[in-house]
Amino acid sequence: MKKLRFKPRATFNADLKRLASLDRNIIDEARAAIDLLLEAHQLPPENQLNDTNGFLVVYTIDEDELILIGIRRGDNPNCPY
């Protein structure tokens, strides 16, 4: 399987920056998820991810590009991100 090229949209970068201001650990967790996507072209089922923040990564794969669209925090229903 060919490794994908990383192509984040501005919305993804803005979302990640907002979340990182709440919790710096989110950057490491997002990087781990991105690495999995780049290598395997998919993420494991959510119950297999070892994350503490519970975030949703919105992405699409277009030919050989991993296009990251957004990232949202999932553990706090009151969080606006």
PDB file of N, CA and C in Angstrom:
ATOM      1  N   MET A   1       0.847  -1.176   0.000  1.00  0.00           N
ATOM      2  CA  MET A   1       0.000   0.000   0.000  1.00  0.00           C
ATOM      3  C   MET A   1       0.899   1.247   0.000  1.00  0.00           C
ATOM      4  N   LYS A   2       0.601   2.153  -0.874  1.00  0.00           N
ATOM      5  CA  LYS A   2       1.379   3.378  -1.017  1.00  0.00           C
ATOM      6  C   LYS A   2       1.073   4.357   0.119  1.00  0.00           C
ATOM      7  N   LYS A   3       2.125   4.985   0.644  1.00  0.00           N
ATOM      8  CA  LYS A   3       1.940   5.974   1.696  1.00  0.00           C
ATOM      9  C   LYS A   3       1.291   7.225   1.115  1.00  0.00           C
ATOM     10  N   LEU A   4       0.325   7.756   1.824  1.00  0.00           N
ATOM     11  CA  LEU A   4      -0.391   8.954   1.386  1.00  0.00           C
ATOM     12  C   LEU A   4       0.408  10.211   1.681  1.00  0.00           C
ATOM     13  N   ARG A   5       0.145  11.248   0.917  1.00  0.00           N
ATOM     14  CA  ARG A   5       0.706  12.571   1.199  1.00  0.00           C
ATOM     15  C   ARG A   5      -0.246  13.301   2.131  1.00  0.00           C
ATOM     16  N   PHE A   6       0.307  14.038   3.060  1.00  0.00           N
ATOM     17  CA  PHE A   6      -0.439  14.773   4.076  1.00  0.00           C
ATOM     18  C   PHE A   6      -0.843  16.138   3.542  1.00  0.00           C
ATOM     19  N   LYS A   7      -2.144  16.427   3.558  1.00  0.00           N
ATOM     20  CA  LYS A   7      -2.648  17.701   3.046  1.00  0.00           C
ATOM     21  C   LYS A   7      -3.764  18.216   3.976  1.00  0.00           C
ATOM     22  N   PRO A   8      -3.397  18.925   5.041  1.00  0.00           N
ATOM     23  CA  PRO A   8      -4.438  19.454   5.924  1.00  0.00           C
ATOM     24  C   PRO A   8      -5.067  20.715   5.329  1.00  0.00           C
ATOM     25  N   ARG A   9      -6.353  20.852   5.507  1.00  0.00           N
ATOM     26  CA  ARG A   9      -7.033  22.091   5.124  1.00  0.00           C
ATOM     27  C   ARG A   9      -6.851  23.111   6.235  1.00  0.00           C
ATOM     28  N   ALA A  10      -7.066  24.350   5.898  1.00  0.00           N
ATOM     29  CA  ALA A  10      -6.949  25.428   6.889  1.00  0.00           C
ATOM     30  C   ALA A  10      -7.913  25.193   8.052  1.00  0.00           C
ATOM     31  N   THR A  11      -9.078  24.619   7.775  1.00  0.00           N
ATOM     32  CA  THR A  11     -10.051  24.353   8.842  1.00  0.00           C
ATOM     33  C   THR A  11      -9.497  23.357   9.855  1.00  0.00           C
ATOM     34  N   PHE A  12      -8.764  22.360   9.361  1.00  0.00           N
ATOM     35  CA  PHE A  12      -8.169  21.381  10.267  1.00  0.00           C
ATOM     36  C   PHE A  12      -7.135  22.048  11.165  1.00  0.00           C
ATOM     37  N   ASN A  13      -6.260  22.831  10.562  1.00  0.00           N
ATOM     38  CA  ASN A  13      -5.227  23.511  11.348  1.00  0.00           C
ATOM     39  C   ASN A  13      -5.839  24.445  12.386  1.00  0.00           C
ATOM     40  N   ALA A  14      -6.899  25.164  12.012  1.00  0.00           N
ATOM     41  CA  ALA A  14      -7.561  26.073  12.955  1.00  0.00           C
ATOM     42  C   ALA A  14      -8.211  25.286  14.097  1.00  0.00           C
ATOM     43  N   ASP A  15      -8.871  24.165  13.760  1.00  0.00           N
ATOM     44  CA  ASP A  15      -9.493  23.323  14.793  1.00  0.00           C
ATOM     45  C   ASP A  15      -8.449  22.783  15.757  1.00  0.00           C
ATOM     46  N   LEU A  16      -7.329  22.301  15.210  1.00  0.00           N
ATOM     47  CA  LEU A  16      -6.279  21.731  16.049  1.00  0.00           C
ATOM     48  C   LEU A  16      -5.683  22.794  16.970  1.00  0.00           C
ATOM     49  N   LYS A  17      -5.498  23.971  16.454  1.00  0.00           N
ATOM     50  CA  LYS A  17      -4.954  25.064  17.271  1.00  0.00           C
ATOM     51  C   LYS A  17      -5.892  25.400  18.433  1.00  0.00           C
ATOM     52  N   ARG A  18      -7.201  25.453  18.154  1.00  0.00           N
ATOM     53  CA  ARG A  18      -8.178  25.735  19.219  1.00  0.00           C
ATOM     54  C   ARG A  18      -8.166  24.639  20.276  1.00  0.00           C
ATOM     55  N   LEU A  19      -8.158  23.381  19.823  1.00  0.00           N
ATOM     56  CA  LEU A  19      -8.156  22.274  20.773  1.00  0.00           C
ATOM     57  C   LEU A  19      -6.866  22.227  21.583  1.00  0.00           C
ATOM     58  N   ALA A  20      -5.739  22.534  20.940  1.00  0.00           N
ATOM     59  CA  ALA A  20      -4.457  22.529  21.649  1.00  0.00           C
ATOM     60  C   ALA A  20      -4.423  23.584  22.742  1.00  0.00           C
ATOM     61  N   SER A  21      -5.167  24.676  22.556  1.00  0.00           N
ATOM     62  CA  SER A  21      -5.209  25.694  23.603  1.00  0.00           C
ATOM     63  C   SER A  21      -5.947  25.189  24.837  1.00  0.00           C
ATOM     64  N   LEU A  22      -6.802  24.193  24.653  1.00  0.00           N
ATOM     65  CA  LEU A  22      -7.517  23.587  25.779  1.00  0.00           C
ATOM     66  C   LEU A  22      -6.700  22.467  26.429  1.00  0.00           C
ATOM     67  N   ASP A  23      -5.962  21.721  25.590  1.00  0.00           N
ATOM     68  CA  ASP A  23      -5.202  20.573  26.089  1.00  0.00           C
ATOM     69  C   ASP A  23      -4.068  20.278  25.107  1.00  0.00           C
ATOM     70  N   ARG A  24      -2.826  20.491  25.515  1.00  0.00           N
ATOM     71  CA  ARG A  24      -1.667  20.288  24.636  1.00  0.00           C
ATOM     72  C   ARG A  24      -1.508  18.826  24.205  1.00  0.00           C
ATOM     73  N   ASN A  25      -2.046  17.874  24.970  1.00  0.00           N
ATOM     74  CA  ASN A  25      -1.945  16.456  24.611  1.00  0.00           C
ATOM     75  C   ASN A  25      -2.656  16.132  23.310  1.00  0.00           C
ATOM     76  N   ILE A  26      -3.602  16.954  22.939  1.00  0.00           N
ATOM     77  CA  ILE A  26      -4.371  16.698  21.718  1.00  0.00           C
ATOM     78  C   ILE A  26      -3.466  16.689  20.489  1.00  0.00           C
ATOM     79  N   ILE A  27      -2.395  17.452  20.494  1.00  0.00           N
ATOM     80  CA  ILE A  27      -1.480  17.493  19.352  1.00  0.00           C
ATOM     81  C   ILE A  27      -0.803  16.135  19.165  1.00  0.00           C
ATOM     82  N   ASP A  28      -0.309  15.540  20.230  1.00  0.00           N
ATOM     83  CA  ASP A  28       0.327  14.226  20.133  1.00  0.00           C
ATOM     84  C   ASP A  28      -0.665  13.165  19.684  1.00  0.00           C
ATOM     85  N   GLU A  29      -1.882  13.235  20.203  1.00  0.00           N
ATOM     86  CA  GLU A  29      -2.900  12.263  19.824  1.00  0.00           C
ATOM     87  C   GLU A  29      -3.302  12.428  18.366  1.00  0.00           C
ATOM     88  N   ALA A  30      -3.412  13.657  17.921  1.00  0.00           N
ATOM     89  CA  ALA A  30      -3.752  13.907  16.513  1.00  0.00           C
ATOM     90  C   ALA A  30      -2.632  13.421  15.610  1.00  0.00           C
ATOM     91  N   ARG A  31      -1.392  13.660  15.989  1.00  0.00           N
ATOM     92  CA  ARG A  31      -0.251  13.182  15.191  1.00  0.00           C
ATOM     93  C   ARG A  31      -0.255  11.668  15.078  1.00  0.00           C
ATOM     94  N   ALA A  32      -0.572  10.990  16.173  1.00  0.00           N
ATOM     95  CA  ALA A  32      -0.633   9.523  16.144  1.00  0.00           C
ATOM     96  C   ALA A  32      -1.724   9.052  15.184  1.00  0.00           C
ATOM     97  N   ALA A  33      -2.883   9.705  15.218  1.00  0.00           N
ATOM     98  CA  ALA A  33      -3.979   9.342  14.311  1.00  0.00           C
ATOM     99  C   ALA A  33      -3.596   9.627  12.862  1.00  0.00           C
ATOM    100  N   ILE A  34      -2.944  10.752  12.618  1.00  0.00           N
ATOM    101  CA  ILE A  34      -2.510  11.106  11.264  1.00  0.00           C
ATOM    102  C   ILE A  34      -1.501  10.083  10.749  1.00  0.00           C
ATOM    103  N   ASP A  35      -0.557   9.679  11.597  1.00  0.00           N
ATOM    104  CA  ASP A  35       0.426   8.676  11.191  1.00  0.00           C
ATOM    105  C   ASP A  35      -0.252   7.369  10.790  1.00  0.00           C
ATOM    106  N   LEU A  36      -1.254   6.956  11.572  1.00  0.00           N
ATOM    107  CA  LEU A  36      -2.005   5.743  11.228  1.00  0.00           C
ATOM    108  C   LEU A  36      -2.703   5.895   9.879  1.00  0.00           C
ATOM    109  N   LEU A  37      -3.323   7.036   9.662  1.00  0.00           N
ATOM    110  CA  LEU A  37      -4.003   7.272   8.396  1.00  0.00           C
ATOM    111  C   LEU A  37      -3.030   7.265   7.222  1.00  0.00           C
ATOM    112  N   LEU A  38      -1.872   7.882   7.405  1.00  0.00           N
ATOM    113  CA  LEU A  38      -0.886   7.933   6.324  1.00  0.00           C
ATOM    114  C   LEU A  38      -0.364   6.550   5.957  1.00  0.00           C
ATOM    115  N   GLU A  39      -0.202   5.695   6.932  1.00  0.00           N
ATOM    116  CA  GLU A  39       0.343   4.355   6.691  1.00  0.00           C
ATOM    117  C   GLU A  39      -0.738   3.352   6.275  1.00  0.00           C
ATOM    118  N   ALA A  40      -1.832   3.316   7.010  1.00  0.00           N
ATOM    119  CA  ALA A  40      -2.841   2.267   6.815  1.00  0.00           C
ATOM    120  C   ALA A  40      -4.058   2.719   6.010  1.00  0.00           C
ATOM    121  N   HIS A  41      -4.173   4.007   5.736  1.00  0.00           N
ATOM    122  CA  HIS A  41      -5.306   4.582   4.987  1.00  0.00           C
ATOM    123  C   HIS A  41      -6.624   4.490   5.747  1.00  0.00           C
ATOM    124  N   GLN A  42      -6.567   4.158   7.021  1.00  0.00           N
ATOM    125  CA  GLN A  42      -7.765   4.116   7.853  1.00  0.00           C
ATOM    126  C   GLN A  42      -7.361   4.131   9.315  1.00  0.00           C
ATOM    127  N   LEU A  43      -8.322   4.450  10.158  1.00  0.00           N
ATOM    128  CA  LEU A  43      -8.104   4.396  11.609  1.00  0.00           C
ATOM    129  C   LEU A  43      -8.731   3.115  12.141  1.00  0.00           C
ATOM    130  N   PRO A  44      -8.199   2.589  13.229  1.00  0.00           N
ATOM    131  CA  PRO A  44      -8.840   1.426  13.850  1.00  0.00           C
ATOM    132  C   PRO A  44     -10.176   1.848  14.454  1.00  0.00           C
ATOM    133  N   PRO A  45     -11.031   0.873  14.769  1.00  0.00           N
ATOM    134  CA  PRO A  45     -12.285   1.224  15.446  1.00  0.00           C
ATOM    135  C   PRO A  45     -12.002   2.068  16.681  1.00  0.00           C
ATOM    136  N   GLU A  46     -12.931   2.975  17.016  1.00  0.00           N
ATOM    137  CA  GLU A  46     -12.686   3.935  18.095  1.00  0.00           C
ATOM    138  C   GLU A  46     -12.320   3.295  19.419  1.00  0.00           C
ATOM    139  N   ASN A  47     -12.820   2.117  19.700  1.00  0.00           N
ATOM    140  CA  ASN A  47     -12.494   1.503  20.979  1.00  0.00           C
ATOM    141  C   ASN A  47     -11.057   0.985  21.038  1.00  0.00           C
ATOM    142  N   GLN A  48     -10.336   0.980  19.910  1.00  0.00           N
ATOM    143  CA  GLN A  48      -8.949   0.540  19.908  1.00  0.00           C
ATOM    144  C   GLN A  48      -7.969   1.694  19.983  1.00  0.00           C
ATOM    145  N   LEU A  49      -8.435   2.924  19.792  1.00  0.00           N
ATOM    146  CA  LEU A  49      -7.546   4.072  19.905  1.00  0.00           C
ATOM    147  C   LEU A  49      -7.246   4.336  21.374  1.00  0.00           C
ATOM    148  N   ASN A  50      -6.011   4.599  21.674  1.00  0.00           N
ATOM    149  CA  ASN A  50      -5.612   4.870  23.046  1.00  0.00           C
ATOM    150  C   ASN A  50      -5.534   6.379  23.258  1.00  0.00           C
ATOM    151  N   ASP A  51      -6.689   7.022  23.289  1.00  0.00           N
ATOM    152  CA  ASP A  51      -6.682   8.472  23.467  1.00  0.00           C
ATOM    153  C   ASP A  51      -7.428   8.841  24.737  1.00  0.00           C
ATOM    154  N   THR A  52      -7.098   9.996  25.268  1.00  0.00           N
ATOM    155  CA  THR A  52      -7.744  10.446  26.493  1.00  0.00           C
ATOM    156  C   THR A  52      -8.743  11.547  26.228  1.00  0.00           C
ATOM    157  N   ASN A  53      -8.684  12.171  25.065  1.00  0.00           N
ATOM    158  CA  ASN A  53      -9.553  13.303  24.780  1.00  0.00           C
ATOM    159  C   ASN A  53     -10.791  12.944  23.978  1.00  0.00           C
ATOM    160  N   GLY A  54     -10.801  11.850  23.288  1.00  0.00           N
ATOM    161  CA  GLY A  54     -11.945  11.451  22.493  1.00  0.00           C
ATOM    162  C   GLY A  54     -12.258  12.458  21.403  1.00  0.00           C
ATOM    163  N   PHE A  55     -11.492  12.484  20.325  1.00  0.00           N
ATOM    164  CA  PHE A  55     -11.756  13.441  19.272  1.00  0.00           C
ATOM    165  C   PHE A  55     -12.132  12.753  17.980  1.00  0.00           C
ATOM    166  N   LEU A  56     -12.788  13.492  17.134  1.00  0.00           N
ATOM    167  CA  LEU A  56     -13.244  13.020  15.840  1.00  0.00           C
ATOM    168  C   LEU A  56     -12.400  13.688  14.766  1.00  0.00           C
ATOM    169  N   VAL A  57     -11.786  12.897  13.900  1.00  0.00           N
ATOM    170  CA  VAL A  57     -11.003  13.416  12.790  1.00  0.00           C
ATOM    171  C   VAL A  57     -11.846  13.273  11.531  1.00  0.00           C
ATOM    172  N   VAL A  58     -12.102  14.391  10.850  1.00  0.00           N
ATOM    173  CA  VAL A  58     -12.862  14.390   9.611  1.00  0.00           C
ATOM    174  C   VAL A  58     -11.850  14.451   8.467  1.00  0.00           C
ATOM    175  N   TYR A  59     -11.887  13.432   7.607  1.00  0.00           N
ATOM    176  CA  TYR A  59     -10.899  13.354   6.540  1.00  0.00           C
ATOM    177  C   TYR A  59     -11.483  12.676   5.304  1.00  0.00           C
ATOM    178  N   THR A  60     -10.777  12.805   4.210  1.00  0.00           N
ATOM    179  CA  THR A  60     -11.085  12.079   2.990  1.00  0.00           C
ATOM    180  C   THR A  60      -9.771  11.688   2.346  1.00  0.00           C
ATOM    181  N   ILE A  61      -9.814  10.633   1.554  1.00  0.00           N
ATOM    182  CA  ILE A  61      -8.634  10.210   0.807  1.00  0.00           C
ATOM    183  C   ILE A  61      -8.951  10.393  -0.669  1.00  0.00           C
ATOM    184  N   ASP A  62      -8.118  11.198  -1.325  1.00  0.00           N
ATOM    185  CA  ASP A  62      -8.289  11.483  -2.747  1.00  0.00           C
ATOM    186  C   ASP A  62      -7.029  11.026  -3.467  1.00  0.00           C
ATOM    187  N   GLU A  63      -7.138   9.903  -4.160  1.00  0.00           N
ATOM    188  CA  GLU A  63      -6.012   9.264  -4.843  1.00  0.00           C
ATOM    189  C   GLU A  63      -4.877   9.014  -3.873  1.00  0.00           C
ATOM    190  N   ASP A  64      -3.816   9.822  -3.911  1.00  0.00           N
ATOM    191  CA  ASP A  64      -2.685   9.575  -3.024  1.00  0.00           C
ATOM    192  C   ASP A  64      -2.522  10.661  -1.968  1.00  0.00           C
ATOM    193  N   GLU A  65      -3.601  11.405  -1.687  1.00  0.00           N
ATOM    194  CA  GLU A  65      -3.551  12.472  -0.693  1.00  0.00           C
ATOM    195  C   GLU A  65      -4.520  12.205   0.451  1.00  0.00           C
ATOM    196  N   LEU A  66      -4.018  12.353   1.654  1.00  0.00           N
ATOM    197  CA  LEU A  66      -4.860  12.343   2.846  1.00  0.00           C
ATOM    198  C   LEU A  66      -5.238  13.786   3.099  1.00  0.00           C
ATOM    199  N   ILE A  67      -6.507  14.104   2.917  1.00  0.00           N
ATOM    200  CA  ILE A  67      -6.978  15.473   3.105  1.00  0.00           C
ATOM    201  C   ILE A  67      -7.702  15.541   4.444  1.00  0.00           C
ATOM    202  N   LEU A  68      -7.103  16.248   5.377  1.00  0.00           N
ATOM    203  CA  LEU A  68      -7.682  16.413   6.708  1.00  0.00           C
ATOM    204  C   LEU A  68      -8.549  17.662   6.703  1.00  0.00           C
ATOM    205  N   ILE A  69      -9.803  17.489   7.047  1.00  0.00           N
ATOM    206  CA  ILE A  69     -10.782  18.568   6.955  1.00  0.00           C
ATOM    207  C   ILE A  69     -10.996  19.242   8.298  1.00  0.00           C
ATOM    208  N   GLY A  70     -11.147  18.468   9.347  1.00  0.00           N
ATOM    209  CA  GLY A  70     -11.399  19.053  10.661  1.00  0.00           C
ATOM    210  C   GLY A  70     -11.141  18.067  11.771  1.00  0.00           C
ATOM    211  N   ILE A  71     -11.104  18.583  12.961  1.00  0.00           N
ATOM    212  CA  ILE A  71     -10.950  17.761  14.158  1.00  0.00           C
ATOM    213  C   ILE A  71     -11.848  18.364  15.232  1.00  0.00           C
ATOM    214  N   ARG A  72     -12.623  17.525  15.854  1.00  0.00           N
ATOM    215  CA  ARG A  72     -13.566  17.977  16.868  1.00  0.00           C
ATOM    216  C   ARG A  72     -13.383  17.150  18.124  1.00  0.00           C
ATOM    217  N   ARG A  73     -13.522  17.792  19.246  1.00  0.00           N
ATOM    218  CA  ARG A  73     -13.441  17.116  20.534  1.00  0.00           C
ATOM    219  C   ARG A  73     -14.769  16.442  20.808  1.00  0.00           C
ATOM    220  N   GLY A  74     -14.730  15.212  21.317  1.00  0.00           N
ATOM    221  CA  GLY A  74     -15.950  14.456  21.497  1.00  0.00           C
ATOM    222  C   GLY A  74     -16.325  14.141  22.924  1.00  0.00           C
ATOM    223  N   ASP A  75     -15.481  14.466  23.893  1.00  0.00           N
ATOM    224  CA  ASP A  75     -15.765  14.051  25.265  1.00  0.00           C
ATOM    225  C   ASP A  75     -16.577  15.051  26.059  1.00  0.00           C
ATOM    226  N   ASN A  76     -16.774  16.253  25.539  1.00  0.00           N
ATOM    227  CA  ASN A  76     -17.496  17.283  26.274  1.00  0.00           C
ATOM    228  C   ASN A  76     -18.579  17.861  25.373  1.00  0.00           C
ATOM    229  N   PRO A  77     -19.851  17.533  25.627  1.00  0.00           N
ATOM    230  CA  PRO A  77     -20.914  18.037  24.762  1.00  0.00           C
ATOM    231  C   PRO A  77     -21.062  19.552  24.790  1.00  0.00           C
ATOM    232  N   ASN A  78     -20.488  20.214  25.779  1.00  0.00           N
ATOM    233  CA  ASN A  78     -20.587  21.673  25.858  1.00  0.00           C
ATOM    234  C   ASN A  78     -19.448  22.389  25.154  1.00  0.00           C
ATOM    235  N   CYS A  79     -18.464  21.623  24.685  1.00  0.00           N
ATOM    236  CA  CYS A  79     -17.311  22.223  24.008  1.00  0.00           C
ATOM    237  C   CYS A  79     -17.731  22.671  22.606  1.00  0.00           C
ATOM    238  N   PRO A  80     -17.479  23.918  22.234  1.00  0.00           N
ATOM    239  CA  PRO A  80     -17.925  24.406  20.931  1.00  0.00           C
ATOM    240  C   PRO A  80     -17.084  23.927  19.766  1.00  0.00           C
ATOM    241  N   TYR A  81     -16.027  23.158  19.994  1.00  0.00           N
ATOM    242  CA  TYR A  81     -15.156  22.727  18.902  1.00  0.00           C
ATOM    243  C   TYR A  81     -15.441  21.312  18.523  1.00  0.00           C
TER     244      TYR A  81
END
